[in-house]
Amino acid sequence: MGVIVDPTLQALLDRLHAQSAAQEAETVQYFTGRAQRNEISWDDGLDADANRFMADKMVALDPIKAEFCWIMCRALRARRVVEVGTSFGVSTLYLADAVRANGGGTVIGTEYEPAKAAIARAHFEAGGLSAFIDLREGDLRETLKVIEGPVDFVLMDIWTEMARPAVELLAPHMHAGATVVVDNTAQFRHAYRHFFEFVADPRNGFTTLTLPFEGGLEVVVKT
């Protein structure tokens, strides 16, 4: 039994996860091939061709990881959540459902691509969760400059080079016990090195643990 009790929302999520899974093999093949040809570096972000390829790809968080984030939000009684990297809004639906179950609040989403943001908004409407989501379009280094209150939970599922700028912006708004979950930190450990330099610095007040989900899932807690 999953964490989502709303059957309409669960049906939507099942459809979106199936769509994401259907694209996965093509995505892996594309990036593996380009990496083998030394055409792409995880340190430099996506080039024009990669951005073109990813324009219609969902890159949804695995269902078990999304459910873990839902559980974390419920355990923290999270009311203000930030999602760094919304894409088509699949994981956003889990976060917003948890916030709704907590009595209300806001999930601040971030998405650079206007076309993806439009599709995400349609998904939020279909899931009945638009009222709990503030989706901000554009460069997160600008859209996350203003956070209207303390942050309880953060999900980072974005290209690795943006993890450090995001955590630097959000850290001042995180209270003791606030938690950041970051995807694929074992698989892309080197690419995440700047993020880890920040959270390992004792002056910033974090402690971190890599959980053994596929690719690694980091849980970072503000102490």
N, C-alpha and C. Protein backbone atom coordinates (compact mmCIF):
# COMPACT_ATOMS: atom_id res chain seq x y z
N MET A 1 0.84 -1.20 0.00
CA MET A 1 0.00 0.00 0.00
C MET A 1 0.88 1.25 0.00
N GLY A 2 0.56 2.20 -0.89
CA GLY A 2 1.33 3.42 -0.97
C GLY A 2 0.84 4.48 -0.01
N VAL A 3 1.49 5.64 -0.07
CA VAL A 3 1.18 6.71 0.88
C VAL A 3 0.00 7.58 0.42
N ILE A 4 -0.30 7.55 -0.86
CA ILE A 4 -1.35 8.41 -1.41
C ILE A 4 -2.71 7.73 -1.21
N VAL A 5 -3.63 8.44 -0.57
CA VAL A 5 -4.95 7.86 -0.31
C VAL A 5 -6.01 8.34 -1.30
N ASP A 6 -5.74 9.42 -2.01
CA ASP A 6 -6.68 9.97 -2.99
C ASP A 6 -6.58 9.13 -4.27
N PRO A 7 -7.61 8.37 -4.64
CA PRO A 7 -7.51 7.50 -5.81
C PRO A 7 -7.32 8.25 -7.12
N THR A 8 -7.89 9.43 -7.24
CA THR A 8 -7.71 10.22 -8.46
C THR A 8 -6.27 10.66 -8.60
N LEU A 9 -5.68 11.12 -7.51
CA LEU A 9 -4.29 11.53 -7.52
C LEU A 9 -3.39 10.33 -7.80
N GLN A 10 -3.66 9.19 -7.18
CA GLN A 10 -2.84 8.00 -7.40
C GLN A 10 -2.90 7.55 -8.86
N ALA A 11 -4.07 7.62 -9.46
CA ALA A 11 -4.20 7.24 -10.87
C ALA A 11 -3.37 8.18 -11.75
N LEU A 12 -3.39 9.46 -11.45
CA LEU A 12 -2.58 10.42 -12.19
C LEU A 12 -1.09 10.12 -12.03
N LEU A 13 -0.67 9.86 -10.81
CA LEU A 13 0.73 9.56 -10.55
C LEU A 13 1.16 8.27 -11.25
N ASP A 14 0.32 7.27 -11.24
CA ASP A 14 0.63 6.02 -11.92
C ASP A 14 0.86 6.27 -13.41
N ARG A 15 0.02 7.08 -14.00
CA ARG A 15 0.16 7.39 -15.43
C ARG A 15 1.46 8.15 -15.70
N LEU A 16 1.77 9.11 -14.85
CA LEU A 16 2.97 9.92 -15.06
C LEU A 16 4.24 9.10 -14.83
N HIS A 17 4.25 8.26 -13.82
CA HIS A 17 5.41 7.41 -13.59
C HIS A 17 5.62 6.44 -14.76
N ALA A 18 4.54 5.92 -15.31
CA ALA A 18 4.66 5.03 -16.47
C ALA A 18 5.23 5.77 -17.67
N GLN A 19 4.81 7.00 -17.85
CA GLN A 19 5.35 7.82 -18.95
C GLN A 19 6.84 8.08 -18.75
N SER A 20 7.22 8.38 -17.52
CA SER A 20 8.63 8.62 -17.21
C SER A 20 9.46 7.36 -17.44
N ALA A 21 8.97 6.22 -16.98
CA ALA A 21 9.70 4.96 -17.14
C ALA A 21 9.88 4.61 -18.61
N ALA A 22 8.89 4.93 -19.43
CA ALA A 22 8.97 4.62 -20.86
C ALA A 22 10.07 5.42 -21.55
N GLN A 23 10.41 6.58 -20.99
CA GLN A 23 11.45 7.42 -21.57
C GLN A 23 12.84 7.11 -21.05
N GLU A 24 12.92 6.33 -19.98
CA GLU A 24 14.18 6.17 -19.26
C GLU A 24 15.28 5.54 -20.11
N ALA A 25 14.96 4.48 -20.86
CA ALA A 25 15.98 3.80 -21.65
C ALA A 25 16.59 4.74 -22.69
N GLU A 26 15.74 5.54 -23.33
CA GLU A 26 16.21 6.49 -24.33
C GLU A 26 17.12 7.54 -23.70
N THR A 27 16.75 7.99 -22.52
CA THR A 27 17.55 9.01 -21.83
C THR A 27 18.90 8.46 -21.43
N VAL A 28 18.92 7.26 -20.85
CA VAL A 28 20.19 6.63 -20.45
C VAL A 28 21.08 6.44 -21.66
N GLN A 29 20.52 5.95 -22.76
CA GLN A 29 21.30 5.72 -23.97
C GLN A 29 21.90 7.02 -24.50
N TYR A 30 21.12 8.08 -24.48
CA TYR A 30 21.60 9.37 -24.98
C TYR A 30 22.79 9.87 -24.17
N PHE A 31 22.64 9.93 -22.85
CA PHE A 31 23.70 10.50 -22.02
C PHE A 31 24.91 9.57 -21.92
N THR A 32 24.69 8.26 -21.91
CA THR A 32 25.81 7.33 -21.88
C THR A 32 26.65 7.46 -23.15
N GLY A 33 25.97 7.54 -24.28
CA GLY A 33 26.68 7.69 -25.55
C GLY A 33 27.48 8.97 -25.62
N ARG A 34 26.90 10.06 -25.19
CA ARG A 34 27.60 11.35 -25.25
C ARG A 34 28.76 11.38 -24.26
N ALA A 35 28.57 10.76 -23.10
CA ALA A 35 29.66 10.71 -22.12
C ALA A 35 30.83 9.87 -22.64
N GLN A 36 30.53 8.77 -23.29
CA GLN A 36 31.58 7.92 -23.85
C GLN A 36 32.35 8.63 -24.96
N ARG A 37 31.71 9.54 -25.65
CA ARG A 37 32.36 10.32 -26.70
C ARG A 37 32.97 11.61 -26.16
N ASN A 38 32.96 11.77 -24.83
CA ASN A 38 33.50 12.97 -24.18
C ASN A 38 32.86 14.26 -24.69
N GLU A 39 31.55 14.17 -24.94
CA GLU A 39 30.84 15.33 -25.47
C GLU A 39 30.10 16.11 -24.39
N ILE A 40 30.07 15.57 -23.18
CA ILE A 40 29.28 16.21 -22.13
C ILE A 40 29.96 16.00 -20.79
N SER A 41 29.83 16.99 -19.92
CA SER A 41 30.39 16.91 -18.57
C SER A 41 29.31 17.30 -17.59
N TRP A 42 29.17 16.51 -16.51
CA TRP A 42 28.17 16.83 -15.48
C TRP A 42 28.54 18.11 -14.74
N ASP A 43 29.79 18.55 -14.84
CA ASP A 43 30.21 19.76 -14.15
C ASP A 43 29.76 21.03 -14.87
N ASP A 44 29.49 20.93 -16.16
CA ASP A 44 29.25 22.12 -16.97
C ASP A 44 27.78 22.37 -17.29
N GLY A 45 26.90 21.51 -16.82
CA GLY A 45 25.50 21.68 -17.15
C GLY A 45 25.18 21.14 -18.53
N LEU A 46 23.96 21.38 -19.00
CA LEU A 46 23.52 20.85 -20.29
C LEU A 46 23.85 21.82 -21.41
N ASP A 47 24.32 21.28 -22.54
CA ASP A 47 24.55 22.12 -23.71
C ASP A 47 23.26 22.19 -24.52
N ALA A 48 23.32 22.85 -25.67
CA ALA A 48 22.12 23.09 -26.47
C ALA A 48 21.47 21.79 -26.92
N ASP A 49 22.30 20.81 -27.32
CA ASP A 49 21.73 19.56 -27.81
C ASP A 49 21.06 18.79 -26.66
N ALA A 50 21.69 18.77 -25.50
CA ALA A 50 21.10 18.08 -24.36
C ALA A 50 19.81 18.76 -23.92
N ASN A 51 19.78 20.07 -23.93
CA ASN A 51 18.55 20.78 -23.58
C ASN A 51 17.44 20.46 -24.57
N ARG A 52 17.79 20.36 -25.85
CA ARG A 52 16.80 19.98 -26.87
C ARG A 52 16.25 18.59 -26.58
N PHE A 53 17.17 17.65 -26.29
CA PHE A 53 16.76 16.27 -26.04
C PHE A 53 15.86 16.17 -24.82
N MET A 54 16.18 16.92 -23.77
CA MET A 54 15.45 16.80 -22.52
C MET A 54 14.16 17.60 -22.48
N ALA A 55 13.87 18.36 -23.52
CA ALA A 55 12.72 19.27 -23.50
C ALA A 55 11.40 18.56 -23.24
N ASP A 56 11.27 17.31 -23.69
CA ASP A 56 10.00 16.59 -23.47
C ASP A 56 10.16 15.40 -22.54
N LYS A 57 11.30 15.34 -21.80
CA LYS A 57 11.55 14.22 -20.90
C LYS A 57 11.11 14.59 -19.48
N MET A 58 10.51 13.63 -18.79
CA MET A 58 9.92 13.92 -17.49
C MET A 58 10.94 13.94 -16.36
N VAL A 59 11.90 13.04 -16.39
CA VAL A 59 12.92 12.93 -15.33
C VAL A 59 12.23 12.90 -13.95
N ALA A 60 11.24 12.05 -13.82
CA ALA A 60 10.50 11.99 -12.57
C ALA A 60 11.28 11.21 -11.51
N LEU A 61 11.17 11.65 -10.27
CA LEU A 61 11.76 10.93 -9.14
C LEU A 61 11.13 9.55 -9.05
N ASP A 62 11.95 8.52 -8.75
CA ASP A 62 11.41 7.17 -8.60
C ASP A 62 10.27 7.16 -7.58
N PRO A 63 9.24 6.35 -7.80
CA PRO A 63 8.09 6.33 -6.88
C PRO A 63 8.49 6.10 -5.42
N ILE A 64 9.41 5.17 -5.17
CA ILE A 64 9.78 4.88 -3.78
C ILE A 64 10.47 6.08 -3.14
N LYS A 65 11.26 6.82 -3.92
CA LYS A 65 11.91 8.02 -3.40
C LYS A 65 10.88 9.13 -3.15
N ALA A 66 9.92 9.24 -4.06
CA ALA A 66 8.87 10.25 -3.88
C ALA A 66 8.04 9.94 -2.64
N GLU A 67 7.74 8.67 -2.42
CA GLU A 67 6.99 8.30 -1.22
C GLU A 67 7.80 8.56 0.04
N PHE A 68 9.12 8.34 -0.04
CA PHE A 68 9.99 8.65 1.11
C PHE A 68 9.91 10.14 1.43
N CYS A 69 9.93 10.99 0.40
CA CYS A 69 9.83 12.43 0.63
C CYS A 69 8.48 12.79 1.24
N TRP A 70 7.41 12.12 0.80
CA TRP A 70 6.09 12.34 1.39
C TRP A 70 6.11 12.02 2.88
N ILE A 71 6.70 10.87 3.22
CA ILE A 71 6.80 10.45 4.62
C ILE A 71 7.60 11.46 5.43
N MET A 72 8.71 11.94 4.87
CA MET A 72 9.54 12.92 5.57
C MET A 72 8.76 14.21 5.83
N CYS A 73 8.02 14.67 4.83
CA CYS A 73 7.23 15.89 5.01
C CYS A 73 6.17 15.72 6.08
N ARG A 74 5.56 14.56 6.11
CA ARG A 74 4.55 14.31 7.14
C ARG A 74 5.19 14.24 8.53
N ALA A 75 6.35 13.57 8.62
CA ALA A 75 7.03 13.45 9.91
C ALA A 75 7.47 14.81 10.44
N LEU A 76 7.89 15.69 9.53
CA LEU A 76 8.35 17.02 9.92
C LEU A 76 7.19 18.01 10.10
N ARG A 77 5.97 17.57 9.75
CA ARG A 77 4.81 18.47 9.74
C ARG A 77 5.12 19.69 8.87
N ALA A 78 5.71 19.44 7.74
CA ALA A 78 6.21 20.52 6.87
C ALA A 78 5.06 21.36 6.33
N ARG A 79 5.23 22.66 6.42
CA ARG A 79 4.26 23.62 5.89
C ARG A 79 4.85 24.44 4.74
N ARG A 80 6.17 24.64 4.75
CA ARG A 80 6.82 25.34 3.63
C ARG A 80 7.92 24.42 3.09
N VAL A 81 7.71 23.98 1.85
CA VAL A 81 8.59 23.03 1.18
C VAL A 81 9.14 23.69 -0.07
N VAL A 82 10.38 23.42 -0.40
CA VAL A 82 10.97 23.92 -1.64
C VAL A 82 11.42 22.73 -2.48
N GLU A 83 11.01 22.73 -3.74
CA GLU A 83 11.45 21.70 -4.67
C GLU A 83 12.37 22.35 -5.70
N VAL A 84 13.61 21.92 -5.70
CA VAL A 84 14.62 22.45 -6.63
C VAL A 84 14.64 21.54 -7.85
N GLY A 85 13.92 21.94 -8.90
CA GLY A 85 13.81 21.13 -10.10
C GLY A 85 12.46 20.45 -10.18
N THR A 86 11.49 21.11 -10.80
CA THR A 86 10.12 20.61 -10.83
C THR A 86 9.84 19.73 -12.04
N SER A 87 10.42 20.08 -13.20
CA SER A 87 10.17 19.37 -14.45
C SER A 87 8.66 19.32 -14.70
N PHE A 88 8.08 18.13 -14.87
CA PHE A 88 6.66 18.01 -15.17
C PHE A 88 5.80 17.91 -13.91
N GLY A 89 6.43 18.05 -12.74
CA GLY A 89 5.67 18.20 -11.51
C GLY A 89 5.23 16.92 -10.84
N VAL A 90 5.87 15.79 -11.15
CA VAL A 90 5.44 14.52 -10.56
C VAL A 90 5.72 14.51 -9.05
N SER A 91 6.97 14.74 -8.67
CA SER A 91 7.30 14.73 -7.24
C SER A 91 6.63 15.88 -6.51
N THR A 92 6.36 16.97 -7.22
CA THR A 92 5.64 18.10 -6.61
C THR A 92 4.28 17.67 -6.10
N LEU A 93 3.63 16.77 -6.81
CA LEU A 93 2.31 16.30 -6.40
C LEU A 93 2.39 15.56 -5.07
N TYR A 94 3.44 14.75 -4.88
CA TYR A 94 3.62 14.07 -3.60
C TYR A 94 3.84 15.09 -2.48
N LEU A 95 4.70 16.07 -2.73
CA LEU A 95 5.01 17.06 -1.70
C LEU A 95 3.77 17.87 -1.34
N ALA A 96 3.02 18.28 -2.35
CA ALA A 96 1.82 19.08 -2.09
C ALA A 96 0.75 18.27 -1.36
N ASP A 97 0.63 16.99 -1.69
CA ASP A 97 -0.33 16.14 -0.98
C ASP A 97 0.05 16.01 0.49
N ALA A 98 1.35 15.90 0.77
CA ALA A 98 1.80 15.82 2.16
C ALA A 98 1.52 17.13 2.90
N VAL A 99 1.78 18.26 2.24
CA VAL A 99 1.51 19.56 2.85
C VAL A 99 0.02 19.71 3.13
N ARG A 100 -0.80 19.28 2.19
CA ARG A 100 -2.25 19.33 2.41
C ARG A 100 -2.64 18.49 3.61
N ALA A 101 -2.07 17.31 3.73
CA ALA A 101 -2.36 16.43 4.86
C ALA A 101 -1.89 17.02 6.18
N ASN A 102 -0.88 17.87 6.11
CA ASN A 102 -0.36 18.53 7.32
C ASN A 102 -1.20 19.73 7.74
N GLY A 103 -2.23 20.02 7.00
CA GLY A 103 -3.11 21.13 7.37
C GLY A 103 -2.97 22.34 6.48
N GLY A 104 -2.11 22.25 5.47
CA GLY A 104 -1.96 23.36 4.54
C GLY A 104 -0.57 23.93 4.56
N GLY A 105 -0.26 24.71 3.53
CA GLY A 105 1.05 25.32 3.39
C GLY A 105 1.36 25.50 1.92
N THR A 106 2.64 25.59 1.60
CA THR A 106 3.05 25.89 0.23
C THR A 106 4.26 25.07 -0.17
N VAL A 107 4.21 24.53 -1.38
CA VAL A 107 5.38 23.95 -2.02
C VAL A 107 5.86 24.95 -3.06
N ILE A 108 7.05 25.47 -2.87
CA ILE A 108 7.66 26.38 -3.83
C ILE A 108 8.43 25.53 -4.84
N GLY A 109 7.95 25.51 -6.08
CA GLY A 109 8.61 24.76 -7.13
C GLY A 109 9.47 25.67 -7.99
N THR A 110 10.45 25.08 -8.67
CA THR A 110 11.33 25.86 -9.53
C THR A 110 11.47 25.13 -10.87
N GLU A 111 11.25 25.83 -11.95
CA GLU A 111 11.41 25.24 -13.28
C GLU A 111 11.89 26.28 -14.27
N TYR A 112 12.96 25.93 -14.98
CA TYR A 112 13.58 26.87 -15.92
C TYR A 112 12.83 26.92 -17.25
N GLU A 113 12.30 25.77 -17.69
CA GLU A 113 11.68 25.68 -19.01
C GLU A 113 10.19 26.04 -18.95
N PRO A 114 9.75 27.09 -19.67
CA PRO A 114 8.34 27.49 -19.63
C PRO A 114 7.39 26.38 -20.09
N ALA A 115 7.78 25.60 -21.09
CA ALA A 115 6.90 24.54 -21.59
C ALA A 115 6.67 23.47 -20.53
N LYS A 116 7.73 23.10 -19.81
CA LYS A 116 7.57 22.13 -18.73
C LYS A 116 6.73 22.71 -17.60
N ALA A 117 6.93 23.96 -17.29
CA ALA A 117 6.14 24.59 -16.23
C ALA A 117 4.65 24.57 -16.58
N ALA A 118 4.32 24.81 -17.84
CA ALA A 118 2.92 24.80 -18.25
C ALA A 118 2.31 23.41 -18.09
N ILE A 119 3.05 22.38 -18.46
CA ILE A 119 2.56 21.01 -18.30
C ILE A 119 2.43 20.65 -16.82
N ALA A 120 3.42 21.08 -16.03
CA ALA A 120 3.35 20.82 -14.59
C ALA A 120 2.10 21.44 -13.99
N ARG A 121 1.79 22.66 -14.37
CA ARG A 121 0.60 23.33 -13.84
C ARG A 121 -0.67 22.56 -14.20
N ALA A 122 -0.70 22.00 -15.40
CA ALA A 122 -1.86 21.18 -15.79
C ALA A 122 -1.97 19.94 -14.90
N HIS A 123 -0.83 19.36 -14.57
CA HIS A 123 -0.83 18.20 -13.67
C HIS A 123 -1.30 18.59 -12.26
N PHE A 124 -0.87 19.75 -11.81
CA PHE A 124 -1.30 20.21 -10.47
C PHE A 124 -2.81 20.39 -10.44
N GLU A 125 -3.36 20.94 -11.50
CA GLU A 125 -4.81 21.15 -11.58
C GLU A 125 -5.53 19.81 -11.61
N ALA A 126 -5.00 18.88 -12.40
CA ALA A 126 -5.64 17.56 -12.51
C ALA A 126 -5.60 16.82 -11.19
N GLY A 127 -4.54 17.06 -10.40
CA GLY A 127 -4.41 16.40 -9.11
C GLY A 127 -5.12 17.12 -7.98
N GLY A 128 -5.73 18.26 -8.27
CA GLY A 128 -6.45 19.01 -7.25
C GLY A 128 -5.54 19.66 -6.21
N LEU A 129 -4.31 20.00 -6.62
CA LEU A 129 -3.33 20.49 -5.64
C LEU A 129 -2.75 21.86 -5.99
N SER A 130 -3.31 22.53 -6.97
CA SER A 130 -2.77 23.82 -7.40
C SER A 130 -2.70 24.84 -6.27
N ALA A 131 -3.67 24.79 -5.36
CA ALA A 131 -3.73 25.78 -4.28
C ALA A 131 -2.55 25.69 -3.32
N PHE A 132 -1.83 24.56 -3.35
CA PHE A 132 -0.72 24.36 -2.42
C PHE A 132 0.65 24.54 -3.08
N ILE A 133 0.67 24.98 -4.35
CA ILE A 133 1.93 25.02 -5.10
C ILE A 133 2.17 26.41 -5.67
N ASP A 134 3.35 26.93 -5.43
CA ASP A 134 3.83 28.20 -5.99
C ASP A 134 4.97 27.86 -6.93
N LEU A 135 4.66 27.70 -8.22
CA LEU A 135 5.69 27.32 -9.20
C LEU A 135 6.33 28.57 -9.78
N ARG A 136 7.64 28.66 -9.62
CA ARG A 136 8.38 29.84 -10.06
C ARG A 136 9.22 29.49 -11.29
N GLU A 137 8.98 30.20 -12.37
CA GLU A 137 9.70 29.94 -13.62
C GLU A 137 10.94 30.81 -13.71
N GLY A 138 12.02 30.23 -14.27
CA GLY A 138 13.24 30.98 -14.49
C GLY A 138 14.42 30.37 -13.77
N ASP A 139 15.53 31.09 -13.75
CA ASP A 139 16.76 30.65 -13.12
C ASP A 139 16.56 30.65 -11.60
N LEU A 140 16.77 29.51 -10.97
CA LEU A 140 16.53 29.41 -9.53
C LEU A 140 17.40 30.35 -8.71
N ARG A 141 18.53 30.75 -9.29
CA ARG A 141 19.40 31.70 -8.58
C ARG A 141 18.73 33.06 -8.44
N GLU A 142 17.67 33.28 -9.20
CA GLU A 142 16.85 34.48 -9.07
C GLU A 142 15.53 34.17 -8.37
N THR A 143 14.89 33.07 -8.76
CA THR A 143 13.54 32.79 -8.25
C THR A 143 13.52 32.38 -6.78
N LEU A 144 14.67 31.92 -6.26
CA LEU A 144 14.72 31.53 -4.85
C LEU A 144 15.37 32.59 -3.97
N LYS A 145 15.52 33.78 -4.48
CA LYS A 145 16.10 34.85 -3.66
C LYS A 145 15.14 35.30 -2.56
N VAL A 146 13.85 35.16 -2.80
CA VAL A 146 12.86 35.56 -1.80
C VAL A 146 12.09 34.32 -1.34
N ILE A 147 12.21 34.00 -0.08
CA ILE A 147 11.49 32.89 0.54
C ILE A 147 10.72 33.47 1.73
N GLU A 148 9.42 33.37 1.66
CA GLU A 148 8.58 34.10 2.62
C GLU A 148 8.36 33.29 3.90
N GLY A 149 9.44 33.03 4.63
CA GLY A 149 9.28 32.33 5.90
C GLY A 149 10.22 31.14 6.00
N PRO A 150 10.21 30.46 7.16
CA PRO A 150 11.12 29.34 7.39
C PRO A 150 10.79 28.14 6.50
N VAL A 151 11.84 27.44 6.07
CA VAL A 151 11.71 26.27 5.21
C VAL A 151 11.84 25.01 6.06
N ASP A 152 10.90 24.09 5.89
CA ASP A 152 10.90 22.85 6.65
C ASP A 152 11.56 21.69 5.90
N PHE A 153 11.38 21.66 4.58
CA PHE A 153 11.85 20.52 3.79
C PHE A 153 12.22 20.99 2.39
N VAL A 154 13.29 20.40 1.85
CA VAL A 154 13.75 20.72 0.49
C VAL A 154 13.99 19.42 -0.25
N LEU A 155 13.50 19.34 -1.49
CA LEU A 155 13.85 18.24 -2.39
C LEU A 155 14.66 18.82 -3.54
N MET A 156 15.85 18.24 -3.76
CA MET A 156 16.69 18.63 -4.90
C MET A 156 16.79 17.46 -5.87
N ASP A 157 16.20 17.66 -7.03
CA ASP A 157 16.30 16.68 -8.11
C ASP A 157 16.56 17.47 -9.38
N ILE A 158 17.83 17.90 -9.51
CA ILE A 158 18.18 18.86 -10.55
C ILE A 158 19.60 18.56 -11.00
N TRP A 159 20.03 19.20 -12.07
CA TRP A 159 21.40 19.02 -12.54
C TRP A 159 22.37 19.45 -11.45
N THR A 160 23.43 18.67 -11.30
CA THR A 160 24.28 18.78 -10.12
C THR A 160 24.89 20.16 -9.91
N GLU A 161 25.18 20.86 -10.99
CA GLU A 161 25.86 22.15 -10.83
C GLU A 161 24.98 23.20 -10.15
N MET A 162 23.66 22.95 -10.07
CA MET A 162 22.76 23.90 -9.45
C MET A 162 22.49 23.60 -7.98
N ALA A 163 23.00 22.48 -7.48
CA ALA A 163 22.72 22.10 -6.09
C ALA A 163 23.38 23.06 -5.11
N ARG A 164 24.62 23.44 -5.36
CA ARG A 164 25.31 24.36 -4.45
C ARG A 164 24.65 25.75 -4.42
N PRO A 165 24.38 26.38 -5.56
CA PRO A 165 23.69 27.67 -5.49
C PRO A 165 22.34 27.60 -4.76
N ALA A 166 21.63 26.49 -4.96
CA ALA A 166 20.32 26.35 -4.32
C ALA A 166 20.45 26.26 -2.81
N VAL A 167 21.35 25.41 -2.33
CA VAL A 167 21.47 25.24 -0.88
C VAL A 167 22.01 26.50 -0.22
N GLU A 168 22.85 27.24 -0.91
CA GLU A 168 23.34 28.50 -0.35
C GLU A 168 22.20 29.50 -0.16
N LEU A 169 21.27 29.53 -1.11
CA LEU A 169 20.13 30.45 -0.99
C LEU A 169 19.16 30.01 0.09
N LEU A 170 18.97 28.71 0.24
CA LEU A 170 17.95 28.20 1.15
C LEU A 170 18.43 28.05 2.58
N ALA A 171 19.72 27.83 2.79
CA ALA A 171 20.24 27.56 4.13
C ALA A 171 19.84 28.61 5.16
N PRO A 172 19.89 29.90 4.84
CA PRO A 172 19.52 30.90 5.86
C PRO A 172 18.06 30.81 6.31
N HIS A 173 17.22 30.16 5.51
CA HIS A 173 15.80 30.06 5.84
C HIS A 173 15.45 28.74 6.53
N MET A 174 16.43 27.87 6.71
CA MET A 174 16.18 26.55 7.28
C MET A 174 16.41 26.58 8.79
N HIS A 175 15.43 26.10 9.54
CA HIS A 175 15.53 26.05 10.99
C HIS A 175 16.16 24.72 11.40
N ALA A 176 16.51 24.59 12.67
CA ALA A 176 17.06 23.34 13.18
C ALA A 176 16.07 22.21 12.96
N GLY A 177 16.53 21.14 12.35
CA GLY A 177 15.67 20.01 12.03
C GLY A 177 15.15 20.02 10.61
N ALA A 178 15.23 21.15 9.93
CA ALA A 178 14.83 21.20 8.52
C ALA A 178 15.71 20.26 7.71
N THR A 179 15.14 19.66 6.69
CA THR A 179 15.79 18.56 5.99
C THR A 179 15.84 18.80 4.49
N VAL A 180 16.97 18.42 3.89
CA VAL A 180 17.14 18.46 2.44
C VAL A 180 17.34 17.03 1.96
N VAL A 181 16.61 16.63 0.93
CA VAL A 181 16.81 15.34 0.28
C VAL A 181 17.32 15.60 -1.14
N VAL A 182 18.41 14.94 -1.51
CA VAL A 182 19.06 15.15 -2.80
C VAL A 182 19.19 13.81 -3.52
N ASP A 183 18.79 13.77 -4.78
CA ASP A 183 18.80 12.50 -5.52
C ASP A 183 20.14 12.22 -6.19
N ASN A 184 20.46 10.93 -6.30
CA ASN A 184 21.61 10.42 -7.06
C ASN A 184 22.96 10.92 -6.57
N THR A 185 23.11 11.06 -5.27
CA THR A 185 24.38 11.58 -4.74
C THR A 185 25.48 10.54 -4.67
N ALA A 186 25.15 9.26 -4.75
CA ALA A 186 26.21 8.24 -4.84
C ALA A 186 26.66 8.10 -6.28
N GLN A 187 25.73 8.07 -7.19
CA GLN A 187 26.05 7.90 -8.61
C GLN A 187 26.87 9.07 -9.14
N PHE A 188 26.55 10.28 -8.68
CA PHE A 188 27.24 11.47 -9.20
C PHE A 188 27.98 12.20 -8.08
N ARG A 189 28.66 11.44 -7.26
CA ARG A 189 29.34 12.03 -6.09
C ARG A 189 30.30 13.14 -6.47
N HIS A 190 31.13 12.90 -7.48
CA HIS A 190 32.11 13.92 -7.86
C HIS A 190 31.42 15.17 -8.38
N ALA A 191 30.39 14.98 -9.18
CA ALA A 191 29.69 16.14 -9.74
C ALA A 191 29.00 16.97 -8.65
N TYR A 192 28.65 16.33 -7.54
CA TYR A 192 28.03 17.03 -6.41
C TYR A 192 29.07 17.59 -5.43
N ARG A 193 30.33 17.55 -5.77
CA ARG A 193 31.37 17.88 -4.78
C ARG A 193 31.24 19.28 -4.20
N HIS A 194 30.80 20.25 -5.00
CA HIS A 194 30.67 21.62 -4.48
C HIS A 194 29.53 21.71 -3.47
N PHE A 195 28.46 20.97 -3.72
CA PHE A 195 27.36 20.89 -2.75
C PHE A 195 27.87 20.29 -1.45
N PHE A 196 28.62 19.18 -1.54
CA PHE A 196 29.11 18.52 -0.33
C PHE A 196 30.13 19.38 0.42
N GLU A 197 30.90 20.17 -0.29
CA GLU A 197 31.83 21.08 0.38
C GLU A 197 31.05 22.05 1.27
N PHE A 198 29.91 22.50 0.78
CA PHE A 198 29.10 23.46 1.56
C PHE A 198 28.49 22.79 2.78
N VAL A 199 27.85 21.64 2.60
CA VAL A 199 27.16 21.01 3.74
C VAL A 199 28.15 20.41 4.74
N ALA A 200 29.40 20.13 4.30
CA ALA A 200 30.40 19.58 5.22
C ALA A 200 31.09 20.66 6.03
N ASP A 201 30.95 21.91 5.63
CA ASP A 201 31.58 23.02 6.34
C ASP A 201 30.84 23.22 7.67
N PRO A 202 31.49 23.03 8.81
CA PRO A 202 30.80 23.14 10.10
C PRO A 202 30.17 24.50 10.35
N ARG A 203 30.64 25.53 9.68
CA ARG A 203 30.07 26.86 9.87
C ARG A 203 28.64 26.94 9.34
N ASN A 204 28.28 26.00 8.44
CA ASN A 204 26.95 26.05 7.84
C ASN A 204 25.92 25.21 8.59
N GLY A 205 26.36 24.38 9.54
CA GLY A 205 25.46 23.71 10.46
C GLY A 205 24.62 22.60 9.87
N PHE A 206 25.22 21.72 9.08
CA PHE A 206 24.49 20.59 8.52
C PHE A 206 25.16 19.28 8.90
N THR A 207 24.37 18.22 8.92
CA THR A 207 24.89 16.87 8.99
C THR A 207 24.21 16.08 7.88
N THR A 208 24.92 15.07 7.31
CA THR A 208 24.40 14.41 6.12
C THR A 208 24.65 12.92 6.15
N LEU A 209 23.76 12.17 5.47
CA LEU A 209 23.87 10.72 5.39
C LEU A 209 23.35 10.27 4.03
N THR A 210 24.09 9.37 3.37
CA THR A 210 23.66 8.82 2.08
C THR A 210 22.88 7.53 2.32
N LEU A 211 21.64 7.51 1.91
CA LEU A 211 20.81 6.33 2.05
C LEU A 211 20.95 5.44 0.82
N PRO A 212 20.81 4.10 0.99
CA PRO A 212 21.10 3.17 -0.10
C PRO A 212 19.94 2.96 -1.08
N PHE A 213 19.29 4.04 -1.48
CA PHE A 213 18.37 3.96 -2.61
C PHE A 213 19.19 3.86 -3.89
N GLU A 214 18.56 3.45 -4.99
CA GLU A 214 19.28 3.38 -6.26
C GLU A 214 19.88 4.73 -6.62
N GLY A 215 21.17 4.76 -6.89
CA GLY A 215 21.86 6.00 -7.22
C GLY A 215 22.28 6.80 -6.01
N GLY A 216 21.76 6.43 -4.84
CA GLY A 216 22.06 7.16 -3.60
C GLY A 216 21.08 8.29 -3.38
N LEU A 217 20.61 8.42 -2.17
CA LEU A 217 19.70 9.50 -1.81
C LEU A 217 20.25 10.14 -0.53
N GLU A 218 20.57 11.44 -0.63
CA GLU A 218 21.18 12.14 0.49
C GLU A 218 20.12 12.76 1.38
N VAL A 219 20.27 12.59 2.68
CA VAL A 219 19.42 13.26 3.66
C VAL A 219 20.31 14.19 4.46
N VAL A 220 20.07 15.47 4.33
CA VAL A 220 20.88 16.51 4.96
C VAL A 220 20.00 17.24 5.96
N VAL A 221 20.44 17.34 7.20
CA VAL A 221 19.64 17.94 8.27
C VAL A 221 20.35 19.16 8.82
N LYS A 222 19.59 20.24 8.99
CA LYS A 222 20.13 21.45 9.63
C LYS A 222 20.17 21.21 11.14
N THR A 223 21.34 21.38 11.73
CA THR A 223 21.50 21.06 13.17
C THR A 223 21.39 22.32 14.02
